[in-house]
Amino acid sequence: MLRVLAERHRLAIVSHLYRGEMRVGELAATLGCPVPRVSQHLARLRECGLVAARHDVTTVYYRLSDQRVAHLVDTVLPAAAKVGGDRQPPVTAVPPLPSPPRNPWPGIAAAPPRSDAGK
Protein backbone atom coordinates (compact mmCIF):
# COMPACT_ATOMS: atom_id res chain seq x y z
CA MET A 1 0.00 0.00 0.00
CA LEU A 2 2.76 2.46 0.86
CA ARG A 3 4.54 1.56 -2.36
CA VAL A 4 1.47 2.77 -4.26
CA LEU A 5 1.57 6.06 -2.33
CA ALA A 6 5.28 6.45 -3.08
CA GLU A 7 4.37 7.68 -6.58
CA ARG A 8 4.05 11.45 -6.24
CA HIS A 9 0.97 11.84 -8.45
CA ARG A 10 -0.92 9.22 -6.45
CA LEU A 11 0.08 10.88 -3.21
CA ALA A 12 -1.16 14.21 -4.59
CA ILE A 13 -4.46 12.59 -5.65
CA VAL A 14 -4.95 11.13 -2.18
CA SER A 15 -4.13 14.48 -0.56
CA HIS A 16 -6.78 16.22 -2.69
CA LEU A 17 -9.37 13.52 -1.99
CA TYR A 18 -8.65 14.00 1.72
CA ARG A 19 -10.54 17.29 1.39
CA GLY A 20 -13.59 15.69 -0.25
CA GLU A 21 -15.00 13.98 -3.32
CA MET A 22 -13.71 14.93 -6.75
CA ARG A 23 -14.26 13.89 -10.36
CA VAL A 24 -11.44 12.70 -12.60
CA GLY A 25 -11.54 15.90 -14.66
CA GLU A 26 -11.27 18.06 -11.54
CA LEU A 27 -8.28 16.07 -10.32
CA ALA A 28 -6.62 16.23 -13.74
CA ALA A 29 -7.06 20.01 -13.91
CA THR A 30 -5.76 20.45 -10.37
CA LEU A 31 -2.71 18.24 -10.95
CA GLY A 32 -2.01 19.41 -14.49
CA CYS A 33 -2.06 15.80 -15.77
CA PRO A 34 -4.00 14.23 -18.65
CA VAL A 35 -7.32 12.63 -17.66
CA PRO A 36 -6.27 9.11 -18.81
CA ARG A 37 -3.19 9.22 -16.58
CA VAL A 38 -5.24 10.33 -13.56
CA SER A 39 -7.76 7.56 -14.32
CA GLN A 40 -4.95 4.99 -14.31
CA HIS A 41 -3.68 6.27 -10.97
CA LEU A 42 -7.21 6.18 -9.52
CA ALA A 43 -7.64 2.59 -10.73
CA ARG A 44 -4.44 1.58 -8.92
CA LEU A 45 -5.56 3.39 -5.75
CA ARG A 46 -8.92 1.60 -5.93
CA GLU A 47 -7.20 -1.78 -6.32
CA CYS A 48 -5.33 -1.13 -3.07
CA GLY A 49 -8.49 -0.06 -1.26
CA LEU A 50 -7.36 3.51 -0.66
CA VAL A 51 -9.99 5.14 -2.87
CA ALA A 52 -13.68 4.40 -3.45
CA ALA A 53 -15.97 5.57 -6.25
CA ARG A 54 -19.58 6.74 -6.26
CA HIS A 55 -21.53 6.69 -9.53
CA ASP A 56 -24.11 9.41 -10.13
CA VAL A 57 -25.77 8.75 -13.51
CA THR A 58 -22.83 9.46 -15.88
CA THR A 59 -20.44 11.02 -13.37
CA VAL A 60 -18.05 9.16 -11.08
CA TYR A 61 -16.96 10.82 -7.85
CA TYR A 62 -13.86 9.56 -6.05
CA ARG A 63 -13.19 9.77 -2.32
CA LEU A 64 -10.96 8.18 0.29
CA SER A 65 -12.34 4.76 1.16
CA ASP A 66 -12.67 5.32 4.94
CA GLN A 67 -11.38 7.16 7.99
CA ARG A 68 -8.39 4.82 8.35
CA VAL A 69 -7.12 6.07 4.98
CA ALA A 70 -7.58 9.67 6.21
CA HIS A 71 -5.51 8.76 9.28
CA LEU A 72 -2.86 7.27 6.98
CA VAL A 73 -2.79 10.51 4.96
CA ASP A 74 -2.34 12.48 8.20
CA THR A 75 0.70 10.35 8.94
CA VAL A 76 2.25 9.88 5.49
CA LEU A 77 2.04 13.39 3.99
CA PRO A 78 4.08 15.19 6.66
CA ALA A 79 6.60 12.33 6.72
CA ALA A 80 6.89 12.36 2.91
CA ALA A 81 7.54 16.09 2.95
CA LYS A 82 10.37 15.64 5.47
CA VAL A 83 11.96 12.64 3.76
CA GLY A 84 11.48 13.85 0.19
CA GLY A 85 13.16 17.15 0.84
CA ASP A 86 13.88 18.79 -2.48
CA ARG A 87 14.48 15.61 -4.50
CA GLN A 88 11.16 15.89 -6.38
CA PRO A 89 9.33 19.11 -7.07
CA PRO A 90 5.78 19.15 -5.75
CA VAL A 91 3.11 18.12 -8.24
CA THR A 92 0.98 21.08 -7.26
CA ALA A 93 0.66 23.47 -4.39
CA VAL A 94 -1.45 21.64 -1.81
CA PRO A 95 -2.80 23.72 1.05
CA PRO A 96 -2.08 22.51 4.59
CA LEU A 97 -4.16 19.60 5.81
CA PRO A 98 -7.15 20.38 8.01
CA SER A 99 -7.17 19.22 11.61
CA PRO A 100 -7.02 15.42 11.87
CA PRO A 101 -10.27 13.45 12.02
CA ARG A 102 -11.42 11.84 15.23
CA ASN A 103 -9.83 8.56 16.27
CA PRO A 104 -10.91 5.98 13.63
CA TRP A 105 -10.45 3.08 16.07
CA PRO A 106 -12.89 3.47 18.98
CA GLY A 107 -11.60 2.01 22.20
CA ILE A 108 -7.96 2.59 21.29
CA ALA A 109 -6.41 5.76 22.64
CA ALA A 110 -4.95 8.10 20.06
CA ALA A 111 -1.22 8.72 20.26
CA PRO A 112 -0.28 11.90 22.11
CA PRO A 113 1.03 14.77 19.95
CA ARG A 114 4.74 14.66 19.27
CA SER A 115 6.80 17.26 21.04
CA ASP A 116 8.96 17.89 17.95
CA ALA A 117 5.96 18.55 15.64
CA GLY A 118 6.82 22.22 15.20
CA LYS A 119 10.47 21.63 14.21
C-alpha atoms as a PDB file:
ATOM      1  CA  MET A   1       0.000   0.000   0.000  1.00  0.00           C
ATOM      2  CA  LEU A   2       2.755   2.458   0.857  1.00  0.00           C
ATOM      3  CA  ARG A   3       4.542   1.560  -2.360  1.00  0.00           C
ATOM      4  CA  VAL A   4       1.469   2.775  -4.259  1.00  0.00           C
ATOM      5  CA  LEU A   5       1.574   6.059  -2.328  1.00  0.00           C
ATOM      6  CA  ALA A   6       5.278   6.453  -3.078  1.00  0.00           C
ATOM      7  CA  GLU A   7       4.370   7.677  -6.578  1.00  0.00           C
ATOM      8  CA  ARG A   8       4.050  11.454  -6.242  1.00  0.00           C
ATOM      9  CA  HIS A   9       0.967  11.842  -8.453  1.00  0.00           C
ATOM     10  CA  ARG A  10      -0.923   9.221  -6.446  1.00  0.00           C
ATOM     11  CA  LEU A  11       0.085  10.880  -3.208  1.00  0.00           C
ATOM     12  CA  ALA A  12      -1.163  14.214  -4.589  1.00  0.00           C
ATOM     13  CA  ILE A  13      -4.461  12.594  -5.648  1.00  0.00           C
ATOM     14  CA  VAL A  14      -4.952  11.130  -2.175  1.00  0.00           C
ATOM     15  CA  SER A  15      -4.131  14.477  -0.559  1.00  0.00           C
ATOM     16  CA  HIS A  16      -6.779  16.217  -2.686  1.00  0.00           C
ATOM     17  CA  LEU A  17      -9.370  13.518  -1.986  1.00  0.00           C
ATOM     18  CA  TYR A  18      -8.646  13.999   1.723  1.00  0.00           C
ATOM     19  CA  ARG A  19     -10.539  17.286   1.392  1.00  0.00           C
ATOM     20  CA  GLY A  20     -13.585  15.690  -0.247  1.00  0.00           C
ATOM     21  CA  GLU A  21     -15.003  13.979  -3.318  1.00  0.00           C
ATOM     22  CA  MET A  22     -13.708  14.933  -6.752  1.00  0.00           C
ATOM     23  CA  ARG A  23     -14.262  13.889 -10.363  1.00  0.00           C
ATOM     24  CA  VAL A  24     -11.437  12.705 -12.605  1.00  0.00           C
ATOM     25  CA  GLY A  25     -11.538  15.905 -14.659  1.00  0.00           C
ATOM     26  CA  GLU A  26     -11.272  18.060 -11.544  1.00  0.00           C
ATOM     27  CA  LEU A  27      -8.281  16.067 -10.318  1.00  0.00           C
ATOM     28  CA  ALA A  28      -6.623  16.230 -13.740  1.00  0.00           C
ATOM     29  CA  ALA A  29      -7.059  20.006 -13.910  1.00  0.00           C
ATOM     30  CA  THR A  30      -5.756  20.455 -10.370  1.00  0.00           C
ATOM     31  CA  LEU A  31      -2.712  18.244 -10.946  1.00  0.00           C
ATOM     32  CA  GLY A  32      -2.007  19.405 -14.492  1.00  0.00           C
ATOM     33  CA  CYS A  33      -2.062  15.803 -15.770  1.00  0.00           C
ATOM     34  CA  PRO A  34      -3.997  14.229 -18.647  1.00  0.00           C
ATOM     35  CA  VAL A  35      -7.321  12.630 -17.663  1.00  0.00           C
ATOM     36  CA  PRO A  36      -6.270   9.114 -18.813  1.00  0.00           C
ATOM     37  CA  ARG A  37      -3.187   9.217 -16.583  1.00  0.00           C
ATOM     38  CA  VAL A  38      -5.239  10.328 -13.564  1.00  0.00           C
ATOM     39  CA  SER A  39      -7.757   7.561 -14.319  1.00  0.00           C
ATOM     40  CA  GLN A  40      -4.947   4.990 -14.311  1.00  0.00           C
ATOM     41  CA  HIS A  41      -3.675   6.274 -10.966  1.00  0.00           C
ATOM     42  CA  LEU A  42      -7.206   6.176  -9.524  1.00  0.00           C
ATOM     43  CA  ALA A  43      -7.636   2.593 -10.727  1.00  0.00           C
ATOM     44  CA  ARG A  44      -4.439   1.579  -8.919  1.00  0.00           C
ATOM     45  CA  LEU A  45      -5.560   3.391  -5.748  1.00  0.00           C
ATOM     46  CA  ARG A  46      -8.919   1.602  -5.934  1.00  0.00           C
ATOM     47  CA  GLU A  47      -7.196  -1.783  -6.323  1.00  0.00           C
ATOM     48  CA  CYS A  48      -5.333  -1.127  -3.075  1.00  0.00           C
ATOM     49  CA  GLY A  49      -8.491  -0.064  -1.258  1.00  0.00           C
ATOM     50  CA  LEU A  50      -7.357   3.514  -0.663  1.00  0.00           C
ATOM     51  CA  VAL A  51      -9.990   5.143  -2.871  1.00  0.00           C
ATOM     52  CA  ALA A  52     -13.682   4.400  -3.446  1.00  0.00           C
ATOM     53  CA  ALA A  53     -15.973   5.566  -6.247  1.00  0.00           C
ATOM     54  CA  ARG A  54     -19.579   6.740  -6.257  1.00  0.00           C
ATOM     55  CA  HIS A  55     -21.528   6.687  -9.528  1.00  0.00           C
ATOM     56  CA  ASP A  56     -24.106   9.413 -10.134  1.00  0.00           C
ATOM     57  CA  VAL A  57     -25.768   8.751 -13.509  1.00  0.00           C
ATOM     58  CA  THR A  58     -22.828   9.462 -15.879  1.00  0.00           C
ATOM     59  CA  THR A  59     -20.439  11.024 -13.372  1.00  0.00           C
ATOM     60  CA  VAL A  60     -18.050   9.163 -11.079  1.00  0.00           C
ATOM     61  CA  TYR A  61     -16.964  10.825  -7.847  1.00  0.00           C
ATOM     62  CA  TYR A  62     -13.860   9.565  -6.054  1.00  0.00           C
ATOM     63  CA  ARG A  63     -13.190   9.767  -2.323  1.00  0.00           C
ATOM     64  CA  LEU A  64     -10.962   8.179   0.294  1.00  0.00           C
ATOM     65  CA  SER A  65     -12.342   4.757   1.161  1.00  0.00           C
ATOM     66  CA  ASP A  66     -12.667   5.316   4.937  1.00  0.00           C
ATOM     67  CA  GLN A  67     -11.382   7.155   7.994  1.00  0.00           C
ATOM     68  CA  ARG A  68      -8.392   4.822   8.346  1.00  0.00           C
ATOM     69  CA  VAL A  69      -7.123   6.075   4.983  1.00  0.00           C
ATOM     70  CA  ALA A  70      -7.579   9.672   6.209  1.00  0.00           C
ATOM     71  CA  HIS A  71      -5.514   8.763   9.277  1.00  0.00           C
ATOM     72  CA  LEU A  72      -2.862   7.268   6.978  1.00  0.00           C
ATOM     73  CA  VAL A  73      -2.787  10.505   4.961  1.00  0.00           C
ATOM     74  CA  ASP A  74      -2.342  12.475   8.202  1.00  0.00           C
ATOM     75  CA  THR A  75       0.705  10.345   8.935  1.00  0.00           C
ATOM     76  CA  VAL A  76       2.247   9.883   5.486  1.00  0.00           C
ATOM     77  CA  LEU A  77       2.038  13.388   3.986  1.00  0.00           C
ATOM     78  CA  PRO A  78       4.077  15.185   6.664  1.00  0.00           C
ATOM     79  CA  ALA A  79       6.603  12.332   6.719  1.00  0.00           C
ATOM     80  CA  ALA A  80       6.886  12.359   2.913  1.00  0.00           C
ATOM     81  CA  ALA A  81       7.540  16.090   2.950  1.00  0.00           C
ATOM     82  CA  LYS A  82      10.370  15.640   5.474  1.00  0.00           C
ATOM     83  CA  VAL A  83      11.962  12.636   3.764  1.00  0.00           C
ATOM     84  CA  GLY A  84      11.479  13.845   0.193  1.00  0.00           C
ATOM     85  CA  GLY A  85      13.163  17.151   0.845  1.00  0.00           C
ATOM     86  CA  ASP A  86      13.877  18.786  -2.477  1.00  0.00           C
ATOM     87  CA  ARG A  87      14.477  15.613  -4.498  1.00  0.00           C
ATOM     88  CA  GLN A  88      11.164  15.894  -6.381  1.00  0.00           C
ATOM     89  CA  PRO A  89       9.332  19.111  -7.073  1.00  0.00           C
ATOM     90  CA  PRO A  90       5.776  19.146  -5.753  1.00  0.00           C
ATOM     91  CA  VAL A  91       3.106  18.116  -8.237  1.00  0.00           C
ATOM     92  CA  THR A  92       0.977  21.078  -7.262  1.00  0.00           C
ATOM     93  CA  ALA A  93       0.660  23.473  -4.386  1.00  0.00           C
ATOM     94  CA  VAL A  94      -1.449  21.642  -1.815  1.00  0.00           C
ATOM     95  CA  PRO A  95      -2.797  23.721   1.050  1.00  0.00           C
ATOM     96  CA  PRO A  96      -2.085  22.509   4.587  1.00  0.00           C
ATOM     97  CA  LEU A  97      -4.164  19.604   5.807  1.00  0.00           C
ATOM     98  CA  PRO A  98      -7.149  20.378   8.011  1.00  0.00           C
ATOM     99  CA  SER A  99      -7.166  19.216  11.607  1.00  0.00           C
ATOM    100  CA  PRO A 100      -7.020  15.423  11.867  1.00  0.00           C
ATOM    101  CA  PRO A 101     -10.272  13.454  12.023  1.00  0.00           C
ATOM    102  CA  ARG A 102     -11.420  11.844  15.225  1.00  0.00           C
ATOM    103  CA  ASN A 103      -9.828   8.563  16.267  1.00  0.00           C
ATOM    104  CA  PRO A 104     -10.908   5.980  13.634  1.00  0.00           C
ATOM    105  CA  TRP A 105     -10.449   3.084  16.073  1.00  0.00           C
ATOM    106  CA  PRO A 106     -12.887   3.474  18.981  1.00  0.00           C
ATOM    107  CA  GLY A 107     -11.596   2.008  22.204  1.00  0.00           C
ATOM    108  CA  ILE A 108      -7.959   2.595  21.288  1.00  0.00           C
ATOM    109  CA  ALA A 109      -6.409   5.760  22.636  1.00  0.00           C
ATOM    110  CA  ALA A 110      -4.950   8.101  20.060  1.00  0.00           C
ATOM    111  CA  ALA A 111      -1.223   8.721  20.262  1.00  0.00           C
ATOM    112  CA  PRO A 112      -0.277  11.904  22.109  1.00  0.00           C
ATOM    113  CA  PRO A 113       1.027  14.765  19.945  1.00  0.00           C
ATOM    114  CA  ARG A 114       4.742  14.657  19.265  1.00  0.00           C
ATOM    115  CA  SER A 115       6.797  17.264  21.035  1.00  0.00           C
ATOM    116  CA  ASP A 116       8.958  17.891  17.953  1.00  0.00           C
ATOM    117  CA  ALA A 117       5.960  18.550  15.637  1.00  0.00           C
ATOM    118  CA  GLY A 118       6.819  22.220  15.198  1.00  0.00           C
ATOM    119  CA  LYS A 119      10.475  21.627  14.211  1.00  0.00           C
END
